[in-house]
């Protein structure tokens, strides 16, 4: 059953992880419905939100991979009902 999810990610040192972060997101392009990134240059961070529609295993796989990147914090909200 497909679910809708919103993923919030904070990249504390974007220059170090942005390439890997983007490669992971690209690998899951089939479930990514939208993405918005806000660079916070004064703080040396970026904040990214990603909207997903996919199977729970795929959502968890994506968030797990980006959450293992150094300096990246991830939080996810997933719909209770299927989409």
N, C-alpha and C. Protein backbone atom coordinates (compact mmCIF):
# COMPACT_ATOMS: atom_id res chain seq x y z
N UNK A 1 0.84 -1.17 0.00
CA UNK A 1 0.00 0.00 0.00
C UNK A 1 0.89 1.25 0.00
N UNK A 2 0.62 2.15 -0.91
CA UNK A 2 1.41 3.38 -0.98
C UNK A 2 0.95 4.37 0.07
N UNK A 3 1.90 5.12 0.58
CA UNK A 3 1.64 6.14 1.60
C UNK A 3 2.19 7.47 1.11
N UNK A 4 1.66 8.54 1.69
CA UNK A 4 2.18 9.88 1.47
C UNK A 4 3.09 10.20 2.66
N UNK A 5 4.23 10.81 2.38
CA UNK A 5 5.16 11.16 3.46
C UNK A 5 5.77 12.52 3.17
N UNK A 6 6.08 13.22 4.24
CA UNK A 6 6.88 14.44 4.13
C UNK A 6 8.14 14.22 4.96
N UNK A 7 9.27 14.49 4.32
CA UNK A 7 10.56 14.30 4.96
C UNK A 7 11.20 15.67 5.14
N UNK A 8 11.62 15.96 6.35
CA UNK A 8 12.35 17.19 6.64
C UNK A 8 13.79 16.82 6.94
N UNK A 9 14.72 17.49 6.26
CA UNK A 9 16.14 17.20 6.48
C UNK A 9 16.91 18.50 6.71
N UNK A 10 17.79 18.47 7.69
CA UNK A 10 18.70 19.59 7.95
C UNK A 10 20.11 19.11 7.65
N UNK A 11 20.77 19.80 6.73
CA UNK A 11 22.15 19.51 6.38
C UNK A 11 23.01 20.55 7.09
N UNK A 12 23.76 20.10 8.09
CA UNK A 12 24.53 21.02 8.92
C UNK A 12 25.81 21.51 8.26
N UNK A 13 26.29 20.80 7.28
CA UNK A 13 27.43 21.25 6.50
C UNK A 13 27.18 20.81 5.06
N UNK A 14 26.32 21.55 4.35
CA UNK A 14 25.88 21.11 3.04
C UNK A 14 27.00 20.84 2.04
N UNK A 15 28.07 21.59 2.10
CA UNK A 15 29.16 21.41 1.13
C UNK A 15 29.75 20.00 1.19
N UNK A 16 29.73 19.39 2.36
CA UNK A 16 30.31 18.05 2.52
C UNK A 16 29.40 16.92 2.06
N UNK A 17 28.07 17.11 2.17
CA UNK A 17 27.17 15.99 1.93
C UNK A 17 26.17 16.21 0.81
N UNK A 18 26.11 17.40 0.24
CA UNK A 18 25.07 17.70 -0.74
C UNK A 18 25.11 16.78 -1.96
N UNK A 19 26.30 16.45 -2.45
CA UNK A 19 26.41 15.56 -3.61
C UNK A 19 25.83 14.19 -3.28
N UNK A 20 26.22 13.60 -2.16
CA UNK A 20 25.70 12.30 -1.77
C UNK A 20 24.20 12.37 -1.50
N UNK A 21 23.76 13.43 -0.84
CA UNK A 21 22.33 13.62 -0.55
C UNK A 21 21.54 13.63 -1.86
N UNK A 22 21.98 14.42 -2.83
CA UNK A 22 21.27 14.52 -4.10
C UNK A 22 21.28 13.20 -4.87
N UNK A 23 22.37 12.46 -4.80
CA UNK A 23 22.44 11.16 -5.48
C UNK A 23 21.43 10.18 -4.88
N UNK A 24 21.29 10.19 -3.56
CA UNK A 24 20.31 9.31 -2.91
C UNK A 24 18.90 9.69 -3.33
N UNK A 25 18.58 10.98 -3.30
CA UNK A 25 17.24 11.43 -3.69
C UNK A 25 16.96 11.05 -5.15
N UNK A 26 17.94 11.21 -6.02
CA UNK A 26 17.78 10.86 -7.43
C UNK A 26 17.52 9.37 -7.62
N UNK A 27 18.13 8.54 -6.78
CA UNK A 27 17.92 7.09 -6.87
C UNK A 27 16.48 6.71 -6.54
N UNK A 28 15.77 7.59 -5.82
CA UNK A 28 14.39 7.32 -5.43
C UNK A 28 13.42 8.23 -6.18
N UNK A 29 13.81 8.69 -7.37
CA UNK A 29 12.99 9.66 -8.10
C UNK A 29 11.58 9.14 -8.41
N UNK A 30 11.40 7.85 -8.43
CA UNK A 30 10.08 7.29 -8.70
C UNK A 30 9.06 7.57 -7.62
N UNK A 31 9.50 7.84 -6.39
CA UNK A 31 8.56 8.12 -5.30
C UNK A 31 8.57 9.59 -4.87
N UNK A 32 9.51 10.37 -5.41
CA UNK A 32 9.61 11.79 -5.03
C UNK A 32 8.60 12.59 -5.85
N UNK A 33 7.72 13.29 -5.16
CA UNK A 33 6.69 14.10 -5.82
C UNK A 33 7.04 15.59 -5.80
N UNK A 34 7.85 16.01 -4.87
CA UNK A 34 8.25 17.41 -4.80
C UNK A 34 9.37 17.60 -3.81
N UNK A 35 10.08 18.71 -4.01
CA UNK A 35 11.23 18.98 -3.13
C UNK A 35 11.44 20.49 -3.05
N UNK A 36 11.73 20.95 -1.87
CA UNK A 36 12.02 22.37 -1.67
C UNK A 36 13.23 22.48 -0.76
N UNK A 37 14.21 23.25 -1.17
CA UNK A 37 15.40 23.44 -0.35
C UNK A 37 15.62 24.91 -0.06
N UNK A 38 15.97 25.21 1.17
CA UNK A 38 16.25 26.57 1.59
C UNK A 38 17.67 26.62 2.13
N UNK A 39 18.58 27.32 1.45
CA UNK A 39 19.93 27.48 1.98
C UNK A 39 19.94 28.55 3.08
N UNK A 40 20.51 28.22 4.20
CA UNK A 40 20.68 29.18 5.30
C UNK A 40 22.17 29.46 5.41
N UNK A 41 22.65 30.28 4.50
CA UNK A 41 24.08 30.50 4.37
C UNK A 41 24.72 31.10 5.62
N UNK A 42 24.01 32.01 6.29
CA UNK A 42 24.57 32.63 7.50
C UNK A 42 24.80 31.61 8.60
N UNK A 43 23.96 30.56 8.63
CA UNK A 43 24.09 29.51 9.64
C UNK A 43 24.94 28.33 9.15
N UNK A 44 25.28 28.32 7.86
CA UNK A 44 26.06 27.22 7.31
C UNK A 44 25.26 25.93 7.20
N UNK A 45 23.95 26.06 6.96
CA UNK A 45 23.06 24.90 6.88
C UNK A 45 22.12 25.03 5.69
N UNK A 46 21.49 23.92 5.34
CA UNK A 46 20.40 23.89 4.37
C UNK A 46 19.26 23.10 4.99
N UNK A 47 18.03 23.53 4.70
CA UNK A 47 16.84 22.82 5.15
C UNK A 47 16.09 22.38 3.90
N UNK A 48 15.76 21.10 3.86
CA UNK A 48 15.12 20.52 2.68
C UNK A 48 13.87 19.76 3.10
N UNK A 49 12.79 19.97 2.35
CA UNK A 49 11.58 19.17 2.56
C UNK A 49 11.29 18.41 1.26
N UNK A 50 10.89 17.15 1.44
CA UNK A 50 10.64 16.28 0.30
C UNK A 50 9.28 15.61 0.50
N UNK A 51 8.44 15.64 -0.53
CA UNK A 51 7.15 14.97 -0.50
C UNK A 51 7.29 13.66 -1.28
N UNK A 52 6.85 12.57 -0.64
CA UNK A 52 6.98 11.24 -1.24
C UNK A 52 5.61 10.57 -1.35
N UNK A 53 5.48 9.69 -2.34
CA UNK A 53 4.34 8.78 -2.43
C UNK A 53 4.91 7.43 -2.83
N UNK A 54 4.86 6.48 -1.89
CA UNK A 54 5.45 5.19 -2.20
C UNK A 54 5.18 4.17 -1.12
N UNK A 55 5.72 3.00 -1.33
CA UNK A 55 5.60 1.92 -0.36
C UNK A 55 6.41 2.28 0.89
N UNK A 56 5.93 1.81 2.03
CA UNK A 56 6.59 2.12 3.30
C UNK A 56 8.05 1.69 3.31
N UNK A 57 8.35 0.55 2.73
CA UNK A 57 9.74 0.08 2.67
C UNK A 57 10.63 1.05 1.90
N UNK A 58 10.12 1.59 0.80
CA UNK A 58 10.90 2.53 0.00
C UNK A 58 11.11 3.85 0.74
N UNK A 59 10.06 4.33 1.41
CA UNK A 59 10.18 5.57 2.19
C UNK A 59 11.22 5.39 3.29
N UNK A 60 11.14 4.27 4.00
CA UNK A 60 12.09 4.00 5.08
C UNK A 60 13.51 3.83 4.57
N UNK A 61 13.65 3.22 3.41
CA UNK A 61 14.98 3.04 2.82
C UNK A 61 15.60 4.39 2.47
N UNK A 62 14.81 5.26 1.86
CA UNK A 62 15.30 6.59 1.51
C UNK A 62 15.72 7.38 2.76
N UNK A 63 14.84 7.42 3.75
CA UNK A 63 15.14 8.21 4.94
C UNK A 63 16.31 7.62 5.72
N UNK A 64 16.43 6.31 5.72
CA UNK A 64 17.57 5.68 6.40
C UNK A 64 18.89 6.03 5.75
N UNK A 65 18.91 6.03 4.42
CA UNK A 65 20.15 6.35 3.71
C UNK A 65 20.57 7.80 3.91
N UNK A 66 19.62 8.73 3.83
CA UNK A 66 20.03 10.13 4.02
C UNK A 66 20.33 10.42 5.49
N UNK A 67 19.67 9.70 6.38
CA UNK A 67 19.92 9.89 7.81
C UNK A 67 21.29 9.41 8.26
N UNK A 68 21.90 8.52 7.48
CA UNK A 68 23.24 8.02 7.81
C UNK A 68 24.36 8.94 7.31
N UNK A 69 24.00 9.94 6.53
CA UNK A 69 25.03 10.89 6.07
C UNK A 69 25.49 11.73 7.25
N UNK A 70 26.77 12.04 7.33
CA UNK A 70 27.26 12.84 8.45
C UNK A 70 26.69 14.26 8.44
N UNK A 71 26.23 14.71 9.60
CA UNK A 71 25.71 16.07 9.72
C UNK A 71 24.31 16.27 9.18
N UNK A 72 23.60 15.16 8.90
CA UNK A 72 22.23 15.26 8.38
C UNK A 72 21.25 14.74 9.43
N UNK A 73 20.25 15.55 9.74
CA UNK A 73 19.17 15.16 10.64
C UNK A 73 17.90 15.03 9.82
N UNK A 74 17.18 13.93 10.03
CA UNK A 74 15.97 13.65 9.23
C UNK A 74 14.81 13.33 10.14
N UNK A 75 13.65 13.89 9.81
CA UNK A 75 12.38 13.55 10.47
C UNK A 75 11.36 13.30 9.39
N UNK A 76 10.50 12.31 9.62
CA UNK A 76 9.52 11.92 8.61
C UNK A 76 8.14 11.79 9.23
N UNK A 77 7.14 12.29 8.50
CA UNK A 77 5.74 12.08 8.87
C UNK A 77 5.11 11.29 7.73
N UNK A 78 4.42 10.19 8.08
CA UNK A 78 3.84 9.28 7.09
C UNK A 78 2.35 9.17 7.33
N UNK A 79 1.56 9.20 6.25
CA UNK A 79 0.12 9.08 6.38
C UNK A 79 -0.26 7.73 6.95
N UNK A 80 -1.32 7.72 7.72
CA UNK A 80 -1.82 6.46 8.30
C UNK A 80 -2.60 5.66 7.28
N UNK A 81 -3.29 6.36 6.40
CA UNK A 81 -4.08 5.72 5.36
C UNK A 81 -3.25 5.57 4.09
N UNK A 82 -3.61 4.58 3.29
CA UNK A 82 -2.93 4.39 2.03
C UNK A 82 -3.36 5.44 1.02
N UNK A 83 -2.54 5.66 0.05
CA UNK A 83 -2.86 6.66 -1.00
C UNK A 83 -3.09 5.98 -2.33
